[in-house]
């Protein structure tokens, strides 16, 4: 599903980000060869998410926002 969505959008897997809060989301990202972004805010137990080793892991929306601003070279 992720690979199909990226293809339809004309994006390559290495420029596609999948944000998820469970280890299964990281696994889905790996299966589609997209960048796995872990969102640990709001989770009571992040052990499984951390163990799944997403490419990046954030504990707040603000951290995620700053990452995308930097990664995508956005000014606002």
N, C-alpha and C. Protein backbone atom coordinates (compact mmCIF):
# COMPACT_ATOMS: atom_id res chain seq x y z
N UNK A 1 0.82 -1.19 0.00
CA UNK A 1 0.00 0.00 0.00
C UNK A 1 0.87 1.27 0.00
N UNK A 2 1.89 1.31 0.86
CA UNK A 2 2.77 2.48 0.89
C UNK A 2 3.50 2.67 -0.42
N UNK A 3 4.01 1.58 -0.96
CA UNK A 3 4.74 1.65 -2.22
C UNK A 3 3.82 2.14 -3.33
N UNK A 4 2.61 1.64 -3.37
CA UNK A 4 1.64 2.06 -4.38
C UNK A 4 1.29 3.53 -4.27
N UNK A 5 1.12 4.00 -3.04
CA UNK A 5 0.80 5.42 -2.84
C UNK A 5 1.95 6.31 -3.29
N UNK A 6 3.18 5.91 -2.96
CA UNK A 6 4.34 6.70 -3.38
C UNK A 6 4.46 6.71 -4.90
N UNK A 7 4.24 5.56 -5.51
CA UNK A 7 4.32 5.47 -6.97
C UNK A 7 3.30 6.36 -7.65
N UNK A 8 2.07 6.33 -7.15
CA UNK A 8 1.01 7.15 -7.73
C UNK A 8 1.32 8.64 -7.60
N UNK A 9 2.00 8.99 -6.51
CA UNK A 9 2.35 10.40 -6.28
C UNK A 9 3.60 10.80 -7.06
N UNK A 10 4.26 9.82 -7.67
CA UNK A 10 5.47 10.11 -8.42
C UNK A 10 6.70 10.29 -7.54
N UNK A 11 6.63 9.80 -6.32
CA UNK A 11 7.76 9.93 -5.37
C UNK A 11 8.55 8.63 -5.31
N UNK A 12 9.85 8.78 -5.17
CA UNK A 12 10.68 7.60 -4.98
C UNK A 12 10.59 7.19 -3.51
N UNK A 13 10.86 5.93 -3.22
CA UNK A 13 10.81 5.47 -1.83
C UNK A 13 11.73 6.27 -0.90
N UNK A 14 12.90 6.68 -1.37
CA UNK A 14 13.83 7.39 -0.50
C UNK A 14 13.44 8.85 -0.27
N UNK A 15 12.38 9.31 -0.92
CA UNK A 15 11.87 10.65 -0.63
C UNK A 15 10.45 10.58 -0.08
N UNK A 16 10.09 9.39 0.41
CA UNK A 16 8.77 9.16 0.99
C UNK A 16 8.93 8.83 2.47
N UNK A 17 8.15 9.50 3.30
CA UNK A 17 8.22 9.33 4.75
C UNK A 17 6.93 8.68 5.24
N UNK A 18 7.07 7.70 6.10
CA UNK A 18 5.90 7.07 6.71
C UNK A 18 6.01 7.27 8.22
N UNK A 19 5.06 8.01 8.78
CA UNK A 19 5.05 8.29 10.21
C UNK A 19 4.11 7.32 10.90
N UNK A 20 4.64 6.66 11.95
CA UNK A 20 3.82 5.71 12.68
C UNK A 20 4.21 5.62 14.13
N UNK A 21 3.29 5.09 14.94
CA UNK A 21 3.53 5.00 16.38
C UNK A 21 3.62 3.57 16.89
N UNK A 22 3.71 2.61 15.97
CA UNK A 22 3.80 1.21 16.37
C UNK A 22 4.91 0.52 15.58
N UNK A 23 5.42 -0.57 16.14
CA UNK A 23 6.48 -1.31 15.46
C UNK A 23 6.02 -1.82 14.10
N UNK A 24 4.74 -2.13 13.96
CA UNK A 24 4.20 -2.60 12.68
C UNK A 24 4.32 -1.51 11.61
N UNK A 25 4.27 -0.27 12.02
CA UNK A 25 4.42 0.84 11.07
C UNK A 25 5.85 0.88 10.54
N UNK A 26 6.81 0.65 11.42
CA UNK A 26 8.21 0.59 10.98
C UNK A 26 8.40 -0.58 10.01
N UNK A 27 7.81 -1.72 10.33
CA UNK A 27 7.90 -2.88 9.45
C UNK A 27 7.29 -2.58 8.08
N UNK A 28 6.15 -1.89 8.05
CA UNK A 28 5.52 -1.52 6.78
C UNK A 28 6.42 -0.58 5.99
N UNK A 29 7.05 0.35 6.68
CA UNK A 29 7.98 1.27 6.01
C UNK A 29 9.13 0.49 5.39
N UNK A 30 9.69 -0.43 6.13
CA UNK A 30 10.79 -1.26 5.62
C UNK A 30 10.36 -2.05 4.40
N UNK A 31 9.18 -2.62 4.45
CA UNK A 31 8.67 -3.40 3.33
C UNK A 31 8.50 -2.58 2.07
N UNK A 32 8.19 -1.29 2.23
CA UNK A 32 8.00 -0.41 1.08
C UNK A 32 9.27 0.36 0.74
N UNK A 33 10.31 0.17 1.53
CA UNK A 33 11.60 0.84 1.31
C UNK A 33 11.48 2.36 1.41
N UNK A 34 10.59 2.81 2.33
CA UNK A 34 10.44 4.24 2.56
C UNK A 34 11.07 4.59 3.91
N UNK A 35 11.19 5.87 4.21
CA UNK A 35 11.80 6.32 5.45
C UNK A 35 10.82 6.14 6.61
N UNK A 36 11.25 5.38 7.61
CA UNK A 36 10.42 5.09 8.78
C UNK A 36 10.61 6.18 9.83
N UNK A 37 9.52 6.86 10.16
CA UNK A 37 9.55 7.92 11.15
C UNK A 37 8.69 7.48 12.34
N UNK A 38 9.32 7.34 13.49
CA UNK A 38 8.61 6.93 14.69
C UNK A 38 8.05 8.12 15.44
N UNK A 39 6.78 8.05 15.78
CA UNK A 39 6.14 9.11 16.55
C UNK A 39 5.80 8.56 17.93
N UNK A 40 6.60 8.93 18.92
CA UNK A 40 6.47 8.37 20.26
C UNK A 40 5.63 9.23 21.20
N UNK A 41 5.07 10.33 20.73
CA UNK A 41 4.25 11.14 21.61
C UNK A 41 2.88 10.49 21.76
N UNK A 42 2.34 10.58 22.94
CA UNK A 42 1.02 9.99 23.20
C UNK A 42 1.04 8.50 23.48
N UNK A 43 2.18 7.86 23.30
CA UNK A 43 2.29 6.43 23.56
C UNK A 43 2.65 6.22 25.03
N UNK A 44 2.01 5.26 25.67
CA UNK A 44 2.35 4.99 27.06
C UNK A 44 3.58 4.08 27.15
N UNK A 45 3.78 3.22 26.17
CA UNK A 45 4.94 2.33 26.17
C UNK A 45 5.57 2.37 24.78
N UNK A 46 6.75 2.92 24.69
CA UNK A 46 7.42 3.07 23.40
C UNK A 46 8.49 2.01 23.15
N UNK A 47 8.60 1.03 24.03
CA UNK A 47 9.66 0.02 23.93
C UNK A 47 9.63 -0.71 22.58
N UNK A 48 8.46 -1.16 22.16
CA UNK A 48 8.36 -1.88 20.87
C UNK A 48 8.71 -0.98 19.70
N UNK A 49 8.25 0.26 19.75
CA UNK A 49 8.55 1.20 18.68
C UNK A 49 10.06 1.45 18.61
N UNK A 50 10.68 1.70 19.74
CA UNK A 50 12.13 1.91 19.77
C UNK A 50 12.88 0.68 19.28
N UNK A 51 12.44 -0.50 19.70
CA UNK A 51 13.09 -1.75 19.30
C UNK A 51 12.98 -2.01 17.80
N UNK A 52 11.95 -1.45 17.16
CA UNK A 52 11.80 -1.65 15.72
C UNK A 52 12.78 -0.81 14.92
N UNK A 53 13.46 0.12 15.59
CA UNK A 53 14.51 0.95 15.01
C UNK A 53 14.07 1.73 13.75
N UNK A 54 13.10 2.63 13.93
CA UNK A 54 12.76 3.49 12.79
C UNK A 54 13.97 4.34 12.42
N UNK A 55 13.98 4.88 11.21
CA UNK A 55 15.10 5.71 10.77
C UNK A 55 15.29 6.92 11.68
N UNK A 56 14.21 7.51 12.12
CA UNK A 56 14.23 8.61 13.09
C UNK A 56 13.07 8.40 14.05
N UNK A 57 13.22 8.92 15.26
CA UNK A 57 12.19 8.75 16.29
C UNK A 57 12.04 10.07 17.04
N UNK A 58 10.81 10.52 17.19
CA UNK A 58 10.54 11.79 17.83
C UNK A 58 9.56 11.61 18.98
N UNK A 59 9.76 12.42 20.03
CA UNK A 59 8.87 12.34 21.19
C UNK A 59 7.86 13.49 21.24
N UNK A 60 7.91 14.37 20.23
CA UNK A 60 6.92 15.46 20.17
C UNK A 60 6.67 15.87 18.73
N UNK A 61 5.50 16.46 18.54
CA UNK A 61 5.15 16.98 17.22
C UNK A 61 6.13 18.08 16.82
N UNK A 62 6.55 18.89 17.78
CA UNK A 62 7.49 19.97 17.49
C UNK A 62 8.81 19.41 16.95
N UNK A 63 9.32 18.32 17.52
CA UNK A 63 10.55 17.71 17.02
C UNK A 63 10.35 17.23 15.57
N UNK A 64 9.21 16.63 15.31
CA UNK A 64 8.91 16.16 13.95
C UNK A 64 8.84 17.33 12.99
N UNK A 65 8.17 18.40 13.40
CA UNK A 65 8.04 19.60 12.57
C UNK A 65 9.43 20.16 12.23
N UNK A 66 10.28 20.28 13.22
CA UNK A 66 11.63 20.81 12.99
C UNK A 66 12.43 19.89 12.07
N UNK A 67 12.27 18.59 12.22
CA UNK A 67 12.95 17.64 11.35
C UNK A 67 12.54 17.86 9.89
N UNK A 68 11.24 17.96 9.64
CA UNK A 68 10.78 18.15 8.27
C UNK A 68 11.18 19.52 7.73
N UNK A 69 11.16 20.54 8.57
CA UNK A 69 11.63 21.85 8.11
C UNK A 69 13.07 21.76 7.64
N UNK A 70 13.89 21.09 8.40
CA UNK A 70 15.30 20.93 8.06
C UNK A 70 15.48 20.01 6.86
N UNK A 71 14.84 18.86 6.91
CA UNK A 71 14.99 17.83 5.87
C UNK A 71 14.51 18.34 4.51
N UNK A 72 13.44 19.10 4.52
CA UNK A 72 12.84 19.58 3.28
C UNK A 72 13.23 21.02 2.97
N UNK A 73 14.10 21.58 3.80
CA UNK A 73 14.60 22.95 3.62
C UNK A 73 13.45 23.96 3.55
N UNK A 74 12.55 23.85 4.53
CA UNK A 74 11.40 24.76 4.59
C UNK A 74 11.73 25.93 5.52
N UNK A 75 11.23 27.08 5.21
CA UNK A 75 11.51 28.27 6.00
C UNK A 75 10.50 28.49 7.12
N UNK A 76 9.24 28.10 6.94
CA UNK A 76 8.21 28.34 7.97
C UNK A 76 7.80 27.06 8.60
